[in-house]
Amino acid sequence: MMTATHPAERFASWLESEYCASVAATMLARTEYFELLEDAMMSPARLTQALNAWREHASQAHVLGGLVGTA
C-alpha cells in the first residue's frame, strides 16, 4: 500500500475513509430500521428514532460522496 505524502493525498484518503464509514453506518441504520419495522411490538417512537438515524447517516454519506468525487 502506498502512503500518501502530500497534504491533498492525505485529505483525499481521509475523506474516502470517512465516506466508507458513513456508508457503512447508513446501511447499519437502514438494517436496524427494517428489523424494528418487522417487530409488531415496537413502539412508534422507537421506529421514528431509527428512521431519523437512517436519514441522518444517509444525508452525511451523500454529502461526503459529493466531496469524494471532487477530491
N, C-alpha and C. Protein backbone atom coordinates (compact mmCIF):
# COMPACT_ATOMS: atom_id res chain seq x y z
N MET A 1 0.84 -1.18 0.00
CA MET A 1 0.00 0.00 0.00
C MET A 1 0.88 1.25 0.00
N MET A 2 0.53 2.19 -0.84
CA MET A 2 1.31 3.41 -0.96
C MET A 2 0.85 4.42 0.09
N THR A 3 1.78 5.04 0.78
CA THR A 3 1.46 6.03 1.79
C THR A 3 1.32 7.39 1.15
N ALA A 4 0.24 8.09 1.49
CA ALA A 4 0.03 9.44 0.97
C ALA A 4 1.00 10.39 1.65
N THR A 5 1.76 11.13 0.86
CA THR A 5 2.76 12.03 1.42
C THR A 5 2.36 13.49 1.29
N HIS A 6 1.57 13.83 0.35
CA HIS A 6 1.15 15.21 0.16
C HIS A 6 -0.13 15.47 0.94
N PRO A 7 -0.28 16.70 1.46
CA PRO A 7 -1.49 17.01 2.22
C PRO A 7 -2.78 16.71 1.45
N ALA A 8 -2.80 17.00 0.16
CA ALA A 8 -4.00 16.75 -0.64
C ALA A 8 -4.30 15.25 -0.72
N GLU A 9 -3.25 14.43 -0.83
CA GLU A 9 -3.44 12.99 -0.88
C GLU A 9 -3.93 12.46 0.46
N ARG A 10 -3.37 13.00 1.55
CA ARG A 10 -3.81 12.58 2.89
C ARG A 10 -5.28 12.96 3.10
N PHE A 11 -5.63 14.17 2.66
CA PHE A 11 -7.02 14.61 2.81
C PHE A 11 -7.94 13.72 1.99
N ALA A 12 -7.58 13.43 0.76
CA ALA A 12 -8.41 12.58 -0.09
C ALA A 12 -8.57 11.20 0.53
N SER A 13 -7.48 10.66 1.08
CA SER A 13 -7.53 9.35 1.73
C SER A 13 -8.44 9.38 2.95
N TRP A 14 -8.29 10.44 3.76
CA TRP A 14 -9.14 10.59 4.95
C TRP A 14 -10.61 10.71 4.54
N LEU A 15 -10.86 11.51 3.52
CA LEU A 15 -12.23 11.73 3.06
C LEU A 15 -12.85 10.44 2.55
N GLU A 16 -12.09 9.65 1.81
CA GLU A 16 -12.59 8.37 1.33
C GLU A 16 -12.90 7.43 2.50
N SER A 17 -12.05 7.43 3.52
CA SER A 17 -12.30 6.61 4.70
C SER A 17 -13.57 7.05 5.42
N GLU A 18 -13.74 8.36 5.57
CA GLU A 18 -14.95 8.89 6.21
C GLU A 18 -16.20 8.53 5.41
N TYR A 19 -16.08 8.61 4.09
CA TYR A 19 -17.22 8.27 3.24
C TYR A 19 -17.59 6.80 3.40
N CYS A 20 -16.59 5.94 3.39
CA CYS A 20 -16.85 4.50 3.56
C CYS A 20 -17.50 4.22 4.92
N ALA A 21 -17.00 4.86 5.96
CA ALA A 21 -17.57 4.68 7.29
C ALA A 21 -19.01 5.20 7.33
N SER A 22 -19.26 6.29 6.65
CA SER A 22 -20.60 6.87 6.62
C SER A 22 -21.58 5.96 5.87
N VAL A 23 -21.13 5.39 4.77
CA VAL A 23 -21.98 4.46 4.02
C VAL A 23 -22.28 3.24 4.88
N ALA A 24 -21.28 2.73 5.58
CA ALA A 24 -21.48 1.58 6.46
C ALA A 24 -22.48 1.91 7.56
N ALA A 25 -22.35 3.08 8.16
CA ALA A 25 -23.30 3.50 9.21
C ALA A 25 -24.71 3.63 8.65
N THR A 26 -24.81 4.13 7.42
CA THR A 26 -26.12 4.24 6.77
C THR A 26 -26.76 2.87 6.59
N MET A 27 -25.98 1.92 6.12
CA MET A 27 -26.51 0.58 5.90
C MET A 27 -26.91 -0.10 7.21
N LEU A 28 -26.11 0.09 8.26
CA LEU A 28 -26.46 -0.47 9.56
C LEU A 28 -27.75 0.15 10.11
N ALA A 29 -27.88 1.47 9.96
CA ALA A 29 -29.09 2.15 10.43
C ALA A 29 -30.31 1.70 9.63
N ARG A 30 -30.14 1.50 8.33
CA ARG A 30 -31.24 1.02 7.49
C ARG A 30 -31.67 -0.38 7.92
N THR A 31 -30.69 -1.23 8.16
CA THR A 31 -30.98 -2.60 8.59
C THR A 31 -31.71 -2.58 9.92
N GLU A 32 -31.24 -1.75 10.85
CA GLU A 32 -31.91 -1.67 12.16
C GLU A 32 -33.36 -1.21 11.99
N TYR A 33 -33.58 -0.20 11.16
CA TYR A 33 -34.94 0.30 10.96
C TYR A 33 -35.85 -0.80 10.44
N PHE A 34 -35.42 -1.54 9.43
CA PHE A 34 -36.29 -2.56 8.87
C PHE A 34 -36.47 -3.75 9.81
N GLU A 35 -35.46 -4.05 10.62
CA GLU A 35 -35.64 -5.10 11.62
C GLU A 35 -36.66 -4.68 12.66
N LEU A 36 -36.58 -3.43 13.09
CA LEU A 36 -37.56 -2.93 14.06
C LEU A 36 -38.95 -2.85 13.44
N LEU A 37 -39.03 -2.50 12.19
CA LEU A 37 -40.31 -2.39 11.50
C LEU A 37 -41.03 -3.74 11.45
N GLU A 38 -40.25 -4.81 11.35
CA GLU A 38 -40.83 -6.16 11.32
C GLU A 38 -41.37 -6.58 12.68
N ASP A 39 -40.91 -5.95 13.73
CA ASP A 39 -41.34 -6.29 15.08
C ASP A 39 -42.64 -5.55 15.40
N ALA A 40 -43.73 -6.29 15.46
CA ALA A 40 -45.05 -5.69 15.67
C ALA A 40 -45.18 -5.05 17.06
N MET A 41 -44.31 -5.38 17.97
CA MET A 41 -44.40 -4.84 19.33
C MET A 41 -43.56 -3.56 19.51
N MET A 42 -42.89 -3.13 18.48
CA MET A 42 -42.02 -1.96 18.59
C MET A 42 -42.86 -0.69 18.65
N SER A 43 -42.48 0.21 19.54
CA SER A 43 -43.23 1.46 19.68
C SER A 43 -42.98 2.38 18.48
N PRO A 44 -43.98 3.18 18.13
CA PRO A 44 -43.81 4.13 17.02
C PRO A 44 -42.66 5.11 17.29
N ALA A 45 -42.45 5.47 18.54
CA ALA A 45 -41.37 6.40 18.87
C ALA A 45 -40.01 5.78 18.54
N ARG A 46 -39.84 4.51 18.83
CA ARG A 46 -38.57 3.82 18.54
C ARG A 46 -38.36 3.69 17.04
N LEU A 47 -39.43 3.42 16.31
CA LEU A 47 -39.34 3.35 14.85
C LEU A 47 -38.95 4.71 14.27
N THR A 48 -39.54 5.75 14.80
CA THR A 48 -39.22 7.11 14.34
C THR A 48 -37.76 7.43 14.61
N GLN A 49 -37.27 7.04 15.78
CA GLN A 49 -35.87 7.27 16.13
C GLN A 49 -34.95 6.54 15.15
N ALA A 50 -35.27 5.30 14.84
CA ALA A 50 -34.45 4.52 13.91
C ALA A 50 -34.50 5.12 12.50
N LEU A 51 -35.67 5.55 12.07
CA LEU A 51 -35.80 6.15 10.75
C LEU A 51 -35.01 7.45 10.67
N ASN A 52 -35.07 8.25 11.71
CA ASN A 52 -34.31 9.51 11.73
C ASN A 52 -32.81 9.26 11.70
N ALA A 53 -32.35 8.24 12.41
CA ALA A 53 -30.93 7.89 12.39
C ALA A 53 -30.51 7.48 10.99
N TRP A 54 -31.33 6.68 10.34
CA TRP A 54 -31.04 6.25 8.97
C TRP A 54 -30.93 7.45 8.04
N ARG A 55 -31.91 8.36 8.14
CA ARG A 55 -31.91 9.55 7.29
C ARG A 55 -30.67 10.42 7.53
N GLU A 56 -30.29 10.57 8.79
CA GLU A 56 -29.13 11.40 9.13
C GLU A 56 -27.85 10.80 8.54
N HIS A 57 -27.68 9.50 8.68
CA HIS A 57 -26.50 8.85 8.14
C HIS A 57 -26.49 8.92 6.60
N ALA A 58 -27.64 8.73 6.00
CA ALA A 58 -27.73 8.79 4.54
C ALA A 58 -27.39 10.18 4.02
N SER A 59 -27.84 11.20 4.73
CA SER A 59 -27.54 12.57 4.34
C SER A 59 -26.04 12.85 4.42
N GLN A 60 -25.42 12.39 5.50
CA GLN A 60 -23.98 12.58 5.66
C GLN A 60 -23.22 11.83 4.57
N ALA A 61 -23.63 10.62 4.27
CA ALA A 61 -22.97 9.84 3.23
C ALA A 61 -23.10 10.54 1.87
N HIS A 62 -24.26 11.12 1.62
CA HIS A 62 -24.48 11.82 0.36
C HIS A 62 -23.52 13.03 0.24
N VAL A 63 -23.41 13.79 1.30
CA VAL A 63 -22.51 14.95 1.29
C VAL A 63 -21.07 14.52 1.10
N LEU A 64 -20.64 13.52 1.87
CA LEU A 64 -19.26 13.04 1.75
C LEU A 64 -19.00 12.44 0.37
N GLY A 65 -19.99 11.76 -0.19
CA GLY A 65 -19.83 11.20 -1.53
C GLY A 65 -19.60 12.27 -2.56
N GLY A 66 -20.27 13.40 -2.42
CA GLY A 66 -20.05 14.53 -3.32
C GLY A 66 -18.66 15.10 -3.19
N LEU A 67 -18.14 15.12 -1.96
CA LEU A 67 -16.80 15.63 -1.74
C LEU A 67 -15.74 14.68 -2.26
N VAL A 68 -15.98 13.38 -2.13
CA VAL A 68 -15.02 12.39 -2.62
C VAL A 68 -14.83 12.55 -4.12
N GLY A 69 -15.92 12.82 -4.82
CA GLY A 69 -15.84 12.98 -6.26
C GLY A 69 -15.02 14.20 -6.69
N THR A 70 -14.87 15.17 -5.81
CA THR A 70 -14.13 16.39 -6.16
C THR A 70 -12.73 16.42 -5.58
N ALA A 71 -12.42 15.48 -4.68
CA ALA A 71 -11.09 15.49 -4.03
C ALA A 71 -10.03 14.89 -4.92
